[in-house]
C-alpha atoms as a PDB file:
ATOM      1  CA  LYS A   1       0.674  11.518 -10.121  1.00  0.00           C
ATOM      2  CA  ASP A   2       0.409  13.332  -6.795  1.00  0.00           C
ATOM      3  CA  ASN A   3      -3.234  14.314  -6.418  1.00  0.00           C
ATOM      4  CA  GLY A   4      -2.506  16.801  -3.612  1.00  0.00           C
ATOM      5  CA  GLY A   5      -4.966  15.195  -1.193  1.00  0.00           C
ATOM      6  CA  GLU A   6      -7.580  12.524  -0.700  1.00  0.00           C
ATOM      7  CA  ASP A   7     -10.155  11.688  -3.331  1.00  0.00           C
ATOM      8  CA  THR A   8     -13.525  12.460  -1.700  1.00  0.00           C
ATOM      9  CA  LYS A   9     -15.410   9.537  -3.288  1.00  0.00           C
ATOM     10  CA  ALA A  10     -12.642   7.110  -2.305  1.00  0.00           C
ATOM     11  CA  ARG A  11     -12.750   8.422   1.293  1.00  0.00           C
ATOM     12  CA  GLU A  12     -16.529   8.048   1.395  1.00  0.00           C
ATOM     13  CA  GLN A  13     -16.267   4.451   0.217  1.00  0.00           C
ATOM     14  CA  ILE A  14     -13.396   3.452   2.526  1.00  0.00           C
ATOM     15  CA  ASP A  15     -15.357   4.826   5.477  1.00  0.00           C
ATOM     16  CA  LYS A  16     -18.301   2.614   4.459  1.00  0.00           C
ATOM     17  CA  LEU A  17     -16.014  -0.405   4.071  1.00  0.00           C
ATOM     18  CA  VAL A  18     -14.375   0.150   7.458  1.00  0.00           C
ATOM     19  CA  SER A  19     -17.751   0.664   9.131  1.00  0.00           C
ATOM     20  CA  LYS A  20     -19.046  -2.641   7.738  1.00  0.00           C
ATOM     21  CA  LEU A  21     -15.779  -4.375   8.662  1.00  0.00           C
ATOM     22  CA  LYS A  22     -16.031  -3.166  12.278  1.00  0.00           C
ATOM     23  CA  GLN A  23     -19.693  -4.168  12.397  1.00  0.00           C
ATOM     24  CA  THR A  24     -18.763  -7.655  11.187  1.00  0.00           C
ATOM     25  CA  PHE A  25     -15.698  -7.934  13.462  1.00  0.00           C
ATOM     26  CA  PRO A  26     -16.271  -5.957  16.699  1.00  0.00           C
ATOM     27  CA  LYS A  27     -12.723  -6.856  17.815  1.00  0.00           C
ATOM     28  CA  ILE A  28     -11.361  -4.358  15.271  1.00  0.00           C
ATOM     29  CA  LYS A  29     -10.666  -0.990  16.856  1.00  0.00           C
ATOM     30  CA  LYS A  30      -8.650   0.788  14.161  1.00  0.00           C
ATOM     31  CA  GLY A  31      -9.891   1.836  10.750  1.00  0.00           C
ATOM     32  CA  VAL A  32      -7.784   3.693   8.202  1.00  0.00           C
ATOM     33  CA  VAL A  33      -4.174   3.768   9.417  1.00  0.00           C
ATOM     34  CA  SER A  34      -2.669   5.498   6.368  1.00  0.00           C
ATOM     35  CA  ALA A  35      -4.190   7.421   3.477  1.00  0.00           C
ATOM     36  CA  TYR A  36      -2.964  10.168   1.147  1.00  0.00           C
ATOM     37  CA  ARG A  37       0.795  10.555   1.223  1.00  0.00           C
ATOM     38  CA  SER A  38       2.587  13.349  -0.644  1.00  0.00           C
ATOM     39  CA  TYR A  39       5.732  12.760  -2.641  1.00  0.00           C
ATOM     40  CA  ASP A  40       7.841  14.400   0.111  1.00  0.00           C
ATOM     41  CA  LYS A  41       6.211  12.245   2.788  1.00  0.00           C
ATOM     42  CA  GLN A  42       6.922   9.147   0.679  1.00  0.00           C
ATOM     43  CA  VAL A  43      10.562  10.219   0.406  1.00  0.00           C
ATOM     44  CA  ASP A  44      10.677  10.249   4.210  1.00  0.00           C
ATOM     45  CA  THR A  45       8.718   6.993   4.551  1.00  0.00           C
ATOM     46  CA  PHE A  46      10.841   5.157   2.010  1.00  0.00           C
ATOM     47  CA  GLY A  47      14.212   6.803   2.529  1.00  0.00           C
ATOM     48  CA  SER A  48      14.359   6.761   6.300  1.00  0.00           C
ATOM     49  CA  ASN A  49      14.913   3.010   6.452  1.00  0.00           C
ATOM     50  CA  ILE A  50      16.846   2.147   3.290  1.00  0.00           C
ATOM     51  CA  ALA A  51      20.078   1.432   5.158  1.00  0.00           C
ATOM     52  CA  ARG A  52      18.288  -0.477   7.938  1.00  0.00           C
ATOM     53  CA  ASP A  53      16.456  -2.687   5.453  1.00  0.00           C
ATOM     54  CA  GLY A  54      19.503  -3.465   3.296  1.00  0.00           C
ATOM     55  CA  GLY A  55      19.047  -1.182   0.293  1.00  0.00           C
ATOM     56  CA  VAL A  56      16.382  -0.053  -2.125  1.00  0.00           C
ATOM     57  CA  SER A  57      15.345  -3.498  -3.368  1.00  0.00           C
ATOM     58  CA  GLN A  58      14.788  -4.744   0.180  1.00  0.00           C
ATOM     59  CA  ARG A  59      13.067  -1.554   1.337  1.00  0.00           C
ATOM     60  CA  GLN A  60      10.520  -1.591  -1.459  1.00  0.00           C
ATOM     61  CA  LYS A  61       9.153  -4.957  -0.403  1.00  0.00           C
ATOM     62  CA  TYR A  62       6.643  -2.991   1.704  1.00  0.00           C
ATOM     63  CA  SER A  63       7.226   0.606   0.624  1.00  0.00           C
ATOM     64  CA  ALA A  64       7.022   2.075  -2.877  1.00  0.00           C
ATOM     65  CA  LEU A  65       9.717   4.263  -4.338  1.00  0.00           C
ATOM     66  CA  PRO A  66       8.816   7.958  -4.129  1.00  0.00           C
ATOM     67  CA  GLY A  67       6.793   8.813  -7.211  1.00  0.00           C
ATOM     68  CA  PHE A  68       5.461   5.248  -7.492  1.00  0.00           C
ATOM     69  CA  SER A  69       3.241   5.102  -4.408  1.00  0.00           C
ATOM     70  CA  GLN A  70      -0.476   4.676  -4.967  1.00  0.00           C
ATOM     71  CA  HIS A  71      -0.933   6.796  -1.855  1.00  0.00           C
ATOM     72  CA  HIS A  72      -0.016   9.831  -4.015  1.00  0.00           C
ATOM     73  CA  THR A  73      -3.311   9.383  -5.887  1.00  0.00           C
ATOM     74  CA  GLY A  74      -5.448  10.035  -2.808  1.00  0.00           C
ATOM     75  CA  LYS A  75      -7.319   6.812  -3.620  1.00  0.00           C
ATOM     76  CA  THR A  76      -5.316   4.360  -1.518  1.00  0.00           C
ATOM     77  CA  PHE A  77      -5.871   3.462   2.103  1.00  0.00           C
ATOM     78  CA  ASP A  78      -4.111   1.120   4.490  1.00  0.00           C
ATOM     79  CA  ILE A  79      -6.640  -0.338   6.896  1.00  0.00           C
ATOM     80  CA  VAL A  80      -6.545  -1.828  10.399  1.00  0.00           C
ATOM     81  CA  SER A  81      -2.839  -2.755  10.556  1.00  0.00           C
ATOM     82  CA  VAL A  82       0.241  -2.723   8.332  1.00  0.00           C
ATOM     83  CA  GLU A  83       1.769  -5.660  10.184  1.00  0.00           C
ATOM     84  CA  PRO A  84       1.784  -8.906   8.187  1.00  0.00           C
ATOM     85  CA  SER A  85       1.639 -10.895  11.431  1.00  0.00           C
ATOM     86  CA  TRP A  86      -1.664  -9.221  12.397  1.00  0.00           C
ATOM     87  CA  TRP A  87      -3.236 -10.266   9.094  1.00  0.00           C
ATOM     88  CA  ASN A  88      -1.824 -13.791   9.381  1.00  0.00           C
ATOM     89  CA  GLU A  89      -3.347 -14.116  12.862  1.00  0.00           C
ATOM     90  CA  ASN A  90      -6.695 -12.694  11.697  1.00  0.00           C
ATOM     91  CA  SER A  91      -7.326 -14.700   8.552  1.00  0.00           C
ATOM     92  CA  ASP A  92     -11.088 -14.269   8.974  1.00  0.00           C
ATOM     93  CA  VAL A  93     -10.704 -10.501   8.595  1.00  0.00           C
ATOM     94  CA  LYS A  94      -8.337 -10.957   5.659  1.00  0.00           C
ATOM     95  CA  LYS A  95     -10.814 -13.268   3.924  1.00  0.00           C
ATOM     96  CA  TRP A  96     -13.647 -10.781   4.493  1.00  0.00           C
ATOM     97  CA  VAL A  97     -11.610  -7.943   2.970  1.00  0.00           C
ATOM     98  CA  VAL A  98     -10.662 -10.091  -0.040  1.00  0.00           C
ATOM     99  CA  ASN A  99     -14.281 -11.107  -0.614  1.00  0.00           C
ATOM    100  CA  ASN A 100     -15.898  -7.721   0.046  1.00  0.00           C
ATOM    101  CA  CYS A 101     -13.544  -4.907  -0.940  1.00  0.00           C
ATOM    102  CA  GLY A 102     -14.941  -4.873  -4.497  1.00  0.00           C
ATOM    103  CA  ASN A 103     -18.410  -4.165  -3.134  1.00  0.00           C
ATOM    104  CA  PHE A 104     -17.072  -0.768  -2.076  1.00  0.00           C
ATOM    105  CA  GLY A 105     -15.059  -0.122  -5.252  1.00  0.00           C
ATOM    106  CA  PHE A 106     -11.638  -1.246  -3.989  1.00  0.00           C
ATOM    107  CA  LYS A 107      -9.049  -3.790  -5.020  1.00  0.00           C
ATOM    108  CA  ILE A 108      -6.121  -5.136  -3.037  1.00  0.00           C
ATOM    109  CA  SER A 109      -3.075  -3.830  -4.878  1.00  0.00           C
ATOM    110  CA  TYR A 110      -0.672  -6.493  -3.629  1.00  0.00           C
ATOM    111  CA  PRO A 111      -2.718  -9.641  -2.958  1.00  0.00           C
ATOM    112  CA  PHE A 112       0.246 -11.993  -3.391  1.00  0.00           C
ATOM    113  CA  ASP A 113       3.975 -12.013  -2.742  1.00  0.00           C
ATOM    114  CA  GLY A 114       5.784 -10.981  -5.915  1.00  0.00           C
ATOM    115  CA  VAL A 115       9.383 -11.056  -7.014  1.00  0.00           C
ATOM    116  CA  LEU A 116      10.053  -7.914  -5.037  1.00  0.00           C
ATOM    117  CA  ARG A 117       6.800  -6.858  -3.333  1.00  0.00           C
ATOM    118  CA  LYS A 118       5.296  -8.663  -0.383  1.00  0.00           C
ATOM    119  CA  ALA A 119       1.539  -9.164  -0.086  1.00  0.00           C
ATOM    120  CA  GLU A 120      -0.274  -6.286   1.607  1.00  0.00           C
ATOM    121  CA  PRO A 121      -3.859  -7.305   2.415  1.00  0.00           C
ATOM    122  CA  TRP A 122      -4.306  -3.921   4.126  1.00  0.00           C
ATOM    123  CA  HIS A 123      -3.467  -1.830   1.034  1.00  0.00           C
ATOM    124  CA  LEU A 124      -6.693  -0.960  -0.806  1.00  0.00           C
ATOM    125  CA  TYR A 125      -6.869   1.099  -4.002  1.00  0.00           C
ATOM    126  CA  TYR A 126     -10.140   2.701  -5.096  1.00  0.00           C
ATOM    127  CA  VAL A 127     -11.086   1.795  -8.668  1.00  0.00           C
ATOM    128  CA  GLY A 128     -14.819   2.523  -8.522  1.00  0.00           C
ATOM    129  CA  GLY A 129     -17.520   0.099  -9.577  1.00  0.00           C
ATOM    130  CA  GLU A 130     -19.048  -0.327  -6.133  1.00  0.00           C
ATOM    131  CA  SER A 131     -21.243  -3.365  -5.528  1.00  0.00           C
ATOM    132  CA  SER A 132     -19.557  -5.234  -8.360  1.00  0.00           C
ATOM    133  CA  GLY A 133     -18.264  -7.999  -6.150  1.00  0.00           C
ATOM    134  CA  SER A 134     -14.653  -8.682  -5.299  1.00  0.00           C
ATOM    135  CA  ILE A 135     -12.264  -7.280  -7.876  1.00  0.00           C
ATOM    136  CA  ILE A 136      -9.092  -9.106  -6.941  1.00  0.00           C
ATOM    137  CA  SER A 137      -7.743 -11.871  -9.098  1.00  0.00           C
ATOM    138  CA  LYS A 138      -7.402 -15.312  -7.556  1.00  0.00           C
ATOM    139  CA  LYS A 139      -4.095 -15.869  -9.384  1.00  0.00           C
ATOM    140  CA  PRO A 140      -1.033 -13.662  -9.210  1.00  0.00           C
ATOM    141  CA  ILE A 141      -0.610 -11.426 -12.220  1.00  0.00           C
ATOM    142  CA  PRO A 142       3.027 -11.197 -13.339  1.00  0.00           C
ATOM    143  CA  ASP A 143       4.359  -7.678 -13.007  1.00  0.00           C
ATOM    144  CA  SER A 144       7.429  -6.905 -15.036  1.00  0.00           C
ATOM    145  CA  LYS A 145       7.964  -3.294 -14.018  1.00  0.00           C
ATOM    146  CA  VAL A 146      10.011  -2.265 -11.005  1.00  0.00           C
ATOM    147  CA  ASP A 147      10.144  -5.825  -9.610  1.00  0.00           C
ATOM    148  CA  ASP A 148      12.080  -7.204 -12.579  1.00  0.00           C
ATOM    149  CA  TYR A 149      14.411  -4.234 -12.787  1.00  0.00           C
ATOM    150  CA  TYR A 150      15.575  -4.477  -9.193  1.00  0.00           C
ATOM    151  CA  SER A 151      15.373  -8.259  -8.873  1.00  0.00           C
ATOM    152  CA  LYS A 152      18.058  -8.534 -11.552  1.00  0.00           C
ATOM    153  CA  GLY A 153      20.505  -6.589  -9.399  1.00  0.00           C
ATOM    154  CA  LYS A 154      20.153  -3.385 -11.394  1.00  0.00           C
ATOM    155  CA  VAL A 155      19.921  -1.109  -8.380  1.00  0.00           C
ATOM    156  CA  GLU A 156      20.682   2.409  -9.520  1.00  0.00           C
ATOM    157  CA  PRO A 157      23.229   3.726  -6.979  1.00  0.00           C
ATOM    158  CA  LYS A 158      22.533   7.352  -7.903  1.00  0.00           C
ATOM    159  CA  LEU A 159      18.790   6.921  -7.270  1.00  0.00           C
ATOM    160  CA  GLU A 160      19.430   5.223  -3.941  1.00  0.00           C
ATOM    161  CA  LYS A 161      21.926   7.904  -2.881  1.00  0.00           C
ATOM    162  CA  GLU A 162      19.613  10.775  -3.898  1.00  0.00           C
ATOM    163  CA  THR A 163      16.603   9.243  -2.122  1.00  0.00           C
ATOM    164  CA  VAL A 164      18.577   8.860   1.112  1.00  0.00           C
ATOM    165  CA  LYS A 165      19.975  12.389   0.726  1.00  0.00           C
ATOM    166  CA  GLN A 166      16.523  13.914   0.152  1.00  0.00           C
ATOM    167  CA  SER A 167      15.087  11.957   3.098  1.00  0.00           C
ATOM    168  CA  ASN A 168      17.866  13.191   5.385  1.00  0.00           C
ATOM    169  CA  THR A 169      17.311  16.788   4.212  1.00  0.00           C
ATOM    170  CA  ASN A 170      13.548  16.538   4.849  1.00  0.00           C
ATOM    171  CA  ASN A 171      14.134  15.105   8.325  1.00  0.00           C
ATOM    172  CA  GLN A 172      16.416  18.026   9.254  1.00  0.00           C
ATOM    173  CA  GLU A 173      13.797  20.658   8.341  1.00  0.00           C
END
């Protein structure tokens, strides 16, 4: 559901997390790089690169279908960088986030590569329960929702066409 903006408690907690992260790793200059995203913004984000990335199933490896993005909730934040290579080169930061995000009430939504989704160590979703320790599971949890549907070659051409069409319309406004 599109919340219409950021959740104030989630923003308060992500600011605390980022502050502690920067204190621990002074090399980090950026904090939150993406937060609340409306449905229309997600249409643009997702739809603008469908053709470039080879279709819906390839595009959603790092970008949720409009209507399915956790960013719509106002409780999700991408931190520091959305480049997998940055996180691979800064494994100490990645490990800190994994081990400490739960202390601030967050979980990493995509901690592991899945059938369709790639790991996103930067993508934190606020679940509450601050100071409860790390919330992420050490083992991948099978997800049989969108991943299974698209991984079986069931791409819905009408959905893909409409998403591209709506993205193009939004970009012309």
